[in-house]
PDB file of N, CA and C in Angstrom:
ATOM      1  N   MET A   1       0.835  -1.181   0.000  1.00  0.00           N
ATOM      2  CA  MET A   1       0.000   0.000   0.000  1.00  0.00           C
ATOM      3  C   MET A   1       0.881   1.245   0.000  1.00  0.00           C
ATOM      4  N   LYS A   2       0.564   2.210  -0.848  1.00  0.00           N
ATOM      5  CA  LYS A   2       1.336   3.439  -0.937  1.00  0.00           C
ATOM      6  C   LYS A   2       0.966   4.384   0.191  1.00  0.00           C
ATOM      7  N   LYS A   3       2.007   5.036   0.731  1.00  0.00           N
ATOM      8  CA  LYS A   3       1.788   6.065   1.732  1.00  0.00           C
ATOM      9  C   LYS A   3       1.632   7.392   1.015  1.00  0.00           C
ATOM     10  N   SER A   4       0.787   8.242   1.558  1.00  0.00           N
ATOM     11  CA  SER A   4       0.646   9.580   1.018  1.00  0.00           C
ATOM     12  C   SER A   4       1.572  10.503   1.807  1.00  0.00           C
ATOM     13  N   VAL A   5       2.463  11.164   1.102  1.00  0.00           N
ATOM     14  CA  VAL A   5       3.429  12.050   1.741  1.00  0.00           C
ATOM     15  C   VAL A   5       3.171  13.465   1.262  1.00  0.00           C
ATOM     16  N   ILE A   6       3.133  14.373   2.207  1.00  0.00           N
ATOM     17  CA  ILE A   6       2.987  15.784   1.878  1.00  0.00           C
ATOM     18  C   ILE A   6       4.385  16.394   1.834  1.00  0.00           C
ATOM     19  N   LEU A   7       4.753  16.956   0.711  1.00  0.00           N
ATOM     20  CA  LEU A   7       6.043  17.614   0.589  1.00  0.00           C
ATOM     21  C   LEU A   7       5.862  19.103   0.860  1.00  0.00           C
ATOM     22  N   GLU A   8       6.598  19.596   1.840  1.00  0.00           N
ATOM     23  CA  GLU A   8       6.575  21.013   2.174  1.00  0.00           C
ATOM     24  C   GLU A   8       7.382  21.780   1.132  1.00  0.00           C
ATOM     25  N   GLN A   9       7.204  23.081   1.067  1.00  0.00           N
ATOM     26  CA  GLN A   9       7.946  23.896   0.104  1.00  0.00           C
ATOM     27  C   GLN A   9       9.456  23.745   0.303  1.00  0.00           C
ATOM     28  N   GLN A  10       9.873  23.639   1.537  1.00  0.00           N
ATOM     29  CA  GLN A  10      11.300  23.447   1.840  1.00  0.00           C
ATOM     30  C   GLN A  10      11.819  22.155   1.196  1.00  0.00           C
ATOM     31  N   ASP A  11      11.007  21.089   1.253  1.00  0.00           N
ATOM     32  CA  ASP A  11      11.384  19.821   0.613  1.00  0.00           C
ATOM     33  C   ASP A  11      11.474  19.981  -0.897  1.00  0.00           C
ATOM     34  N   LEU A  12      10.489  20.652  -1.459  1.00  0.00           N
ATOM     35  CA  LEU A  12      10.471  20.859  -2.910  1.00  0.00           C
ATOM     36  C   LEU A  12      11.655  21.709  -3.356  1.00  0.00           C
ATOM     37  N   ASN A  13      12.028  22.692  -2.545  1.00  0.00           N
ATOM     38  CA  ASN A  13      13.187  23.528  -2.883  1.00  0.00           C
ATOM     39  C   ASN A  13      14.460  22.680  -2.927  1.00  0.00           C
ATOM     40  N   GLY A  14      14.632  21.796  -1.946  1.00  0.00           N
ATOM     41  CA  GLY A  14      15.799  20.925  -1.923  1.00  0.00           C
ATOM     42  C   GLY A  14      15.818  19.975  -3.101  1.00  0.00           C
ATOM     43  N   LEU A  15      14.663  19.383  -3.413  1.00  0.00           N
ATOM     44  CA  LEU A  15      14.570  18.470  -4.557  1.00  0.00           C
ATOM     45  C   LEU A  15      14.830  19.222  -5.857  1.00  0.00           C
ATOM     46  N   HIS A  16      14.302  20.430  -5.954  1.00  0.00           N
ATOM     47  CA  HIS A  16      14.518  21.251  -7.143  1.00  0.00           C
ATOM     48  C   HIS A  16      16.006  21.458  -7.395  1.00  0.00           C
ATOM     49  N   ASP A  17      16.747  21.775  -6.351  1.00  0.00           N
ATOM     50  CA  ASP A  17      18.184  22.012  -6.496  1.00  0.00           C
ATOM     51  C   ASP A  17      18.911  20.768  -7.014  1.00  0.00           C
ATOM     52  N   VAL A  18      18.537  19.608  -6.475  1.00  0.00           N
ATOM     53  CA  VAL A  18      19.170  18.357  -6.904  1.00  0.00           C
ATOM     54  C   VAL A  18      18.842  18.061  -8.363  1.00  0.00           C
ATOM     55  N   VAL A  19      17.588  18.206  -8.727  1.00  0.00           N
ATOM     56  CA  VAL A  19      17.161  17.929 -10.105  1.00  0.00           C
ATOM     57  C   VAL A  19      17.852  18.881 -11.080  1.00  0.00           C
ATOM     58  N   LEU A  20      17.901  20.145 -10.719  1.00  0.00           N
ATOM     59  CA  LEU A  20      18.535  21.131 -11.593  1.00  0.00           C
ATOM     60  C   LEU A  20      20.010  20.807 -11.805  1.00  0.00           C
ATOM     61  N   GLU A  21      20.682  20.431 -10.747  1.00  0.00           N
ATOM     62  CA  GLU A  21      22.103  20.104 -10.857  1.00  0.00           C
ATOM     63  C   GLU A  21      22.334  18.772 -11.577  1.00  0.00           C
ATOM     64  N   ALA A  22      21.510  17.782 -11.277  1.00  0.00           N
ATOM     65  CA  ALA A  22      21.729  16.431 -11.816  1.00  0.00           C
ATOM     66  C   ALA A  22      21.343  16.302 -13.281  1.00  0.00           C
ATOM     67  N   ILE A  23      20.179  16.828 -13.633  1.00  0.00           N
ATOM     68  CA  ILE A  23      19.688  16.607 -14.998  1.00  0.00           C
ATOM     69  C   ILE A  23      19.314  17.907 -15.714  1.00  0.00           C
ATOM     70  N   GLU A  24      19.668  19.019 -15.081  1.00  0.00           N
ATOM     71  CA  GLU A  24      19.507  20.331 -15.701  1.00  0.00           C
ATOM     72  C   GLU A  24      18.078  20.619 -16.160  1.00  0.00           C
ATOM     73  N   LEU A  25      17.115  20.234 -15.330  1.00  0.00           N
ATOM     74  CA  LEU A  25      15.717  20.558 -15.595  1.00  0.00           C
ATOM     75  C   LEU A  25      15.208  21.476 -14.493  1.00  0.00           C
ATOM     76  N   ASP A  26      14.506  22.523 -14.889  1.00  0.00           N
ATOM     77  CA  ASP A  26      13.920  23.480 -13.953  1.00  0.00           C
ATOM     78  C   ASP A  26      12.427  23.151 -13.828  1.00  0.00           C
ATOM     79  N   LEU A  27      12.123  22.233 -12.915  1.00  0.00           N
ATOM     80  CA  LEU A  27      10.756  21.732 -12.781  1.00  0.00           C
ATOM     81  C   LEU A  27       9.938  22.588 -11.826  1.00  0.00           C
ATOM     82  N   ASP A  28       8.634  22.667 -12.092  1.00  0.00           N
ATOM     83  CA  ASP A  28       7.747  23.358 -11.160  1.00  0.00           C
ATOM     84  C   ASP A  28       7.361  22.389 -10.035  1.00  0.00           C
ATOM     85  N   ASN A  29       6.628  22.886  -9.056  1.00  0.00           N
ATOM     86  CA  ASN A  29       6.309  22.071  -7.880  1.00  0.00           C
ATOM     87  C   ASN A  29       5.561  20.788  -8.225  1.00  0.00           C
ATOM     88  N   GLN A  30       4.589  20.852  -9.124  1.00  0.00           N
ATOM     89  CA  GLN A  30       3.839  19.650  -9.465  1.00  0.00           C
ATOM     90  C   GLN A  30       4.730  18.630 -10.159  1.00  0.00           C
ATOM     91  N   GLN A  31       5.609  19.088 -11.019  1.00  0.00           N
ATOM     92  CA  GLN A  31       6.542  18.183 -11.689  1.00  0.00           C
ATOM     93  C   GLN A  31       7.499  17.547 -10.682  1.00  0.00           C
ATOM     94  N   LEU A  32       7.916  18.313  -9.680  1.00  0.00           N
ATOM     95  CA  LEU A  32       8.790  17.772  -8.636  1.00  0.00           C
ATOM     96  C   LEU A  32       8.070  16.705  -7.824  1.00  0.00           C
ATOM     97  N   ILE A  33       6.809  16.936  -7.520  1.00  0.00           N
ATOM     98  CA  ILE A  33       6.016  15.945  -6.787  1.00  0.00           C
ATOM     99  C   ILE A  33       5.881  14.670  -7.617  1.00  0.00           C
ATOM    100  N   ASP A  34       5.598  14.823  -8.899  1.00  0.00           N
ATOM    101  CA  ASP A  34       5.491  13.662  -9.792  1.00  0.00           C
ATOM    102  C   ASP A  34       6.798  12.884  -9.835  1.00  0.00           C
ATOM    103  N   LEU A  35       7.914  13.605  -9.944  1.00  0.00           N
ATOM    104  CA  LEU A  35       9.219  12.955  -9.965  1.00  0.00           C
ATOM    105  C   LEU A  35       9.482  12.234  -8.644  1.00  0.00           C
ATOM    106  N   TYR A  36       9.196  12.896  -7.542  1.00  0.00           N
ATOM    107  CA  TYR A  36       9.391  12.286  -6.222  1.00  0.00           C
ATOM    108  C   TYR A  36       8.610  10.979  -6.118  1.00  0.00           C
ATOM    109  N   ASN A  37       7.380  10.986  -6.584  1.00  0.00           N
ATOM    110  CA  ASN A  37       6.536   9.788  -6.509  1.00  0.00           C
ATOM    111  C   ASN A  37       7.070   8.640  -7.363  1.00  0.00           C
ATOM    112  N   LYS A  38       7.902   8.953  -8.340  1.00  0.00           N
ATOM    113  CA  LYS A  38       8.474   7.922  -9.211  1.00  0.00           C
ATOM    114  C   LYS A  38       9.835   7.414  -8.737  1.00  0.00           C
ATOM    115  N   LEU A  39      10.371   8.023  -7.680  1.00  0.00           N
ATOM    116  CA  LEU A  39      11.655   7.555  -7.138  1.00  0.00           C
ATOM    117  C   LEU A  39      11.493   6.153  -6.558  1.00  0.00           C
ATOM    118  N   PRO A  40      12.560   5.377  -6.538  1.00  0.00           N
ATOM    119  CA  PRO A  40      12.505   4.058  -5.892  1.00  0.00           C
ATOM    120  C   PRO A  40      12.114   4.201  -4.416  1.00  0.00           C
ATOM    121  N   GLN A  41      11.434   3.206  -3.909  1.00  0.00           N
ATOM    122  CA  GLN A  41      10.906   3.275  -2.547  1.00  0.00           C
ATOM    123  C   GLN A  41      12.002   3.495  -1.502  1.00  0.00           C
ATOM    124  N   ASP A  42      13.180   2.898  -1.704  1.00  0.00           N
ATOM    125  CA  ASP A  42      14.235   3.080  -0.700  1.00  0.00           C
ATOM    126  C   ASP A  42      14.681   4.537  -0.608  1.00  0.00           C
ATOM    127  N   LEU A  43      14.694   5.248  -1.735  1.00  0.00           N
ATOM    128  CA  LEU A  43      15.043   6.670  -1.700  1.00  0.00           C
ATOM    129  C   LEU A  43      13.954   7.491  -1.022  1.00  0.00           C
ATOM    130  N   LYS A  44      12.704   7.143  -1.297  1.00  0.00           N
ATOM    131  CA  LYS A  44      11.599   7.859  -0.638  1.00  0.00           C
ATOM    132  C   LYS A  44      11.602   7.590   0.868  1.00  0.00           C
ATOM    133  N   ASP A  45      11.917   6.359   1.257  1.00  0.00           N
ATOM    134  CA  ASP A  45      11.990   6.040   2.684  1.00  0.00           C
ATOM    135  C   ASP A  45      13.077   6.869   3.369  1.00  0.00           C
ATOM    136  N   GLU A  46      14.249   6.976   2.732  1.00  0.00           N
ATOM    137  CA  GLU A  46      15.325   7.812   3.275  1.00  0.00           C
ATOM    138  C   GLU A  46      14.877   9.260   3.389  1.00  0.00           C
ATOM    139  N   ALA A  47      14.239   9.765   2.342  1.00  0.00           N
ATOM    140  CA  ALA A  47      13.790  11.156   2.331  1.00  0.00           C
ATOM    141  C   ALA A  47      12.757  11.411   3.426  1.00  0.00           C
ATOM    142  N   GLU A  48      11.862  10.462   3.629  1.00  0.00           N
ATOM    143  CA  GLU A  48      10.847  10.633   4.660  1.00  0.00           C
ATOM    144  C   GLU A  48      11.462  10.571   6.054  1.00  0.00           C
ATOM    145  N   HIS A  49      12.505   9.782   6.208  1.00  0.00           N
ATOM    146  CA  HIS A  49      13.145   9.644   7.519  1.00  0.00           C
ATOM    147  C   HIS A  49      14.059  10.831   7.825  1.00  0.00           C
ATOM    148  N   TRP A  50      14.908  11.205   6.880  1.00  0.00           N
ATOM    149  CA  TRP A  50      15.927  12.224   7.113  1.00  0.00           C
ATOM    150  C   TRP A  50      15.575  13.594   6.558  1.00  0.00           C
ATOM    151  N   GLY A  51      14.648  13.642   5.607  1.00  0.00           N
ATOM    152  CA  GLY A  51      14.280  14.906   4.973  1.00  0.00           C
ATOM    153  C   GLY A  51      15.026  15.098   3.659  1.00  0.00           C
ATOM    154  N   LEU A  52      14.423  15.831   2.767  1.00  0.00           N
ATOM    155  CA  LEU A  52      15.011  16.050   1.445  1.00  0.00           C
ATOM    156  C   LEU A  52      16.168  17.041   1.467  1.00  0.00           C
ATOM    157  N   ASN A  53      16.397  17.688   2.583  1.00  0.00           N
ATOM    158  CA  ASN A  53      17.531  18.602   2.677  1.00  0.00           C
ATOM    159  C   ASN A  53      18.750  17.945   3.297  1.00  0.00           C
ATOM    160  N   ASP A  54      18.636  16.677   3.661  1.00  0.00           N
ATOM    161  CA  ASP A  54      19.777  15.932   4.197  1.00  0.00           C
ATOM    162  C   ASP A  54      20.766  15.682   3.062  1.00  0.00           C
ATOM    163  N   SER A  55      22.045  15.918   3.336  1.00  0.00           N
ATOM    164  CA  SER A  55      23.043  15.812   2.275  1.00  0.00           C
ATOM    165  C   SER A  55      23.168  14.394   1.709  1.00  0.00           C
ATOM    166  N   VAL A  56      23.063  13.382   2.548  1.00  0.00           N
ATOM    167  CA  VAL A  56      23.156  12.000   2.057  1.00  0.00           C
ATOM    168  C   VAL A  56      21.956  11.670   1.175  1.00  0.00           C
ATOM    169  N   VAL A  57      20.779  12.082   1.589  1.00  0.00           N
ATOM    170  CA  VAL A  57      19.564  11.851   0.794  1.00  0.00           C
ATOM    171  C   VAL A  57      19.696  12.546  -0.563  1.00  0.00           C
ATOM    172  N   ARG A  58      20.137  13.788  -0.535  1.00  0.00           N
ATOM    173  CA  ARG A  58      20.290  14.535  -1.786  1.00  0.00           C
ATOM    174  C   ARG A  58      21.338  13.890  -2.685  1.00  0.00           C
ATOM    175  N   ASP A  59      22.440  13.439  -2.099  1.00  0.00           N
ATOM    176  CA  ASP A  59      23.474  12.754  -2.893  1.00  0.00           C
ATOM    177  C   ASP A  59      22.928  11.482  -3.530  1.00  0.00           C
ATOM    178  N   ASN A  60      22.148  10.716  -2.771  1.00  0.00           N
ATOM    179  CA  ASN A  60      21.581   9.474  -3.304  1.00  0.00           C
ATOM    180  C   ASN A  60      20.587   9.747  -4.430  1.00  0.00           C
ATOM    181  N   ILE A  61      19.776  10.787  -4.285  1.00  0.00           N
ATOM    182  CA  ILE A  61      18.836  11.151  -5.350  1.00  0.00           C
ATOM    183  C   ILE A  61      19.611  11.636  -6.570  1.00  0.00           C
ATOM    184  N   TYR A  62      20.646  12.420  -6.349  1.00  0.00           N
ATOM    185  CA  TYR A  62      21.499  12.896  -7.441  1.00  0.00           C
ATOM    186  C   TYR A  62      22.076  11.709  -8.221  1.00  0.00           C
ATOM    187  N   GLU A  63      22.639  10.751  -7.496  1.00  0.00           N
ATOM    188  CA  GLU A  63      23.211   9.565  -8.153  1.00  0.00           C
ATOM    189  C   GLU A  63      22.153   8.817  -8.956  1.00  0.00           C
ATOM    190  N   TYR A  64      20.985   8.642  -8.363  1.00  0.00           N
ATOM    191  CA  TYR A  64      19.907   7.933  -9.073  1.00  0.00           C
ATOM    192  C   TYR A  64      19.537   8.683 -10.357  1.00  0.00           C
ATOM    193  N   LEU A  65      19.350   9.990 -10.255  1.00  0.00           N
ATOM    194  CA  LEU A  65      18.938  10.765 -11.420  1.00  0.00           C
ATOM    195  C   LEU A  65      19.999  10.755 -12.522  1.00  0.00           C
ATOM    196  N   THR A  66      21.259  10.849 -12.149  1.00  0.00           N
ATOM    197  CA  THR A  66      22.301  10.842 -13.178  1.00  0.00           C
ATOM    198  C   THR A  66      22.464   9.454 -13.787  1.00  0.00           C
ATOM    199  N   ASP A  67      22.166   8.410 -13.021  1.00  0.00           N
ATOM    200  CA  ASP A  67      22.257   7.039 -13.563  1.00  0.00           C
ATOM    201  C   ASP A  67      21.140   6.745 -14.557  1.00  0.00           C
ATOM    202  N   VAL A  68      19.946   7.285 -14.322  1.00  0.00           N
ATOM    203  CA  VAL A  68      18.805   6.996 -15.213  1.00  0.00           C
ATOM    204  C   VAL A  68      18.626   8.048 -16.295  1.00  0.00           C
ATOM    205  N   LYS A  69      19.443   9.063 -16.286  1.00  0.00           N
ATOM    206  CA  LYS A  69      19.361  10.191 -17.227  1.00  0.00           C
ATOM    207  C   LYS A  69      19.424   9.754 -18.652  1.00  0.00           C
TER     208      LYS A  69
END
Protein backbone atom coordinates (compact mmCIF):
# COMPACT_ATOMS: atom_id res chain seq x y z
CA MET A 1 0.00 0.00 0.00
CA LYS A 2 1.34 3.44 -0.94
CA LYS A 3 1.79 6.06 1.73
CA SER A 4 0.65 9.58 1.02
CA VAL A 5 3.43 12.05 1.74
CA ILE A 6 2.99 15.78 1.88
CA LEU A 7 6.04 17.61 0.59
CA GLU A 8 6.57 21.01 2.17
CA GLN A 9 7.95 23.90 0.10
CA GLN A 10 11.30 23.45 1.84
CA ASP A 11 11.38 19.82 0.61
CA LEU A 12 10.47 20.86 -2.91
CA ASN A 13 13.19 23.53 -2.88
CA GLY A 14 15.80 20.93 -1.92
CA LEU A 15 14.57 18.47 -4.56
CA HIS A 16 14.52 21.25 -7.14
CA ASP A 17 18.18 22.01 -6.50
CA VAL A 18 19.17 18.36 -6.90
CA VAL A 19 17.16 17.93 -10.11
CA LEU A 20 18.53 21.13 -11.59
CA GLU A 21 22.10 20.10 -10.86
CA ALA A 22 21.73 16.43 -11.82
CA ILE A 23 19.69 16.61 -15.00
CA GLU A 24 19.51 20.33 -15.70
CA LEU A 25 15.72 20.56 -15.60
CA ASP A 26 13.92 23.48 -13.95
CA LEU A 27 10.76 21.73 -12.78
CA ASP A 28 7.75 23.36 -11.16
CA ASN A 29 6.31 22.07 -7.88
CA GLN A 30 3.84 19.65 -9.47
CA GLN A 31 6.54 18.18 -11.69
CA LEU A 32 8.79 17.77 -8.64
CA ILE A 33 6.02 15.95 -6.79
CA ASP A 34 5.49 13.66 -9.79
CA LEU A 35 9.22 12.95 -9.97
CA TYR A 36 9.39 12.29 -6.22
CA ASN A 37 6.54 9.79 -6.51
CA LYS A 38 8.47 7.92 -9.21
CA LEU A 39 11.65 7.55 -7.14
CA PRO A 40 12.50 4.06 -5.89
CA GLN A 41 10.91 3.28 -2.55
CA ASP A 42 14.24 3.08 -0.70
CA LEU A 43 15.04 6.67 -1.70
CA LYS A 44 11.60 7.86 -0.64
CA ASP A 45 11.99 6.04 2.68
CA GLU A 46 15.33 7.81 3.27
CA ALA A 47 13.79 11.16 2.33
CA GLU A 48 10.85 10.63 4.66
CA HIS A 49 13.15 9.64 7.52
CA TRP A 50 15.93 12.22 7.11
CA GLY A 51 14.28 14.91 4.97
CA LEU A 52 15.01 16.05 1.45
CA ASN A 53 17.53 18.60 2.68
CA ASP A 54 19.78 15.93 4.20
CA SER A 55 23.04 15.81 2.28
CA VAL A 56 23.16 12.00 2.06
CA VAL A 57 19.56 11.85 0.79
CA ARG A 58 20.29 14.54 -1.79
CA ASP A 59 23.47 12.75 -2.89
CA ASN A 60 21.58 9.47 -3.30
CA ILE A 61 18.84 11.15 -5.35
CA TYR A 62 21.50 12.90 -7.44
CA GLU A 63 23.21 9.56 -8.15
CA TYR A 64 19.91 7.93 -9.07
CA LEU A 65 18.94 10.77 -11.42
CA THR A 66 22.30 10.84 -13.18
CA ASP A 67 22.26 7.04 -13.56
CA VAL A 68 18.81 7.00 -15.21
CA LYS A 69 19.36 10.19 -17.23
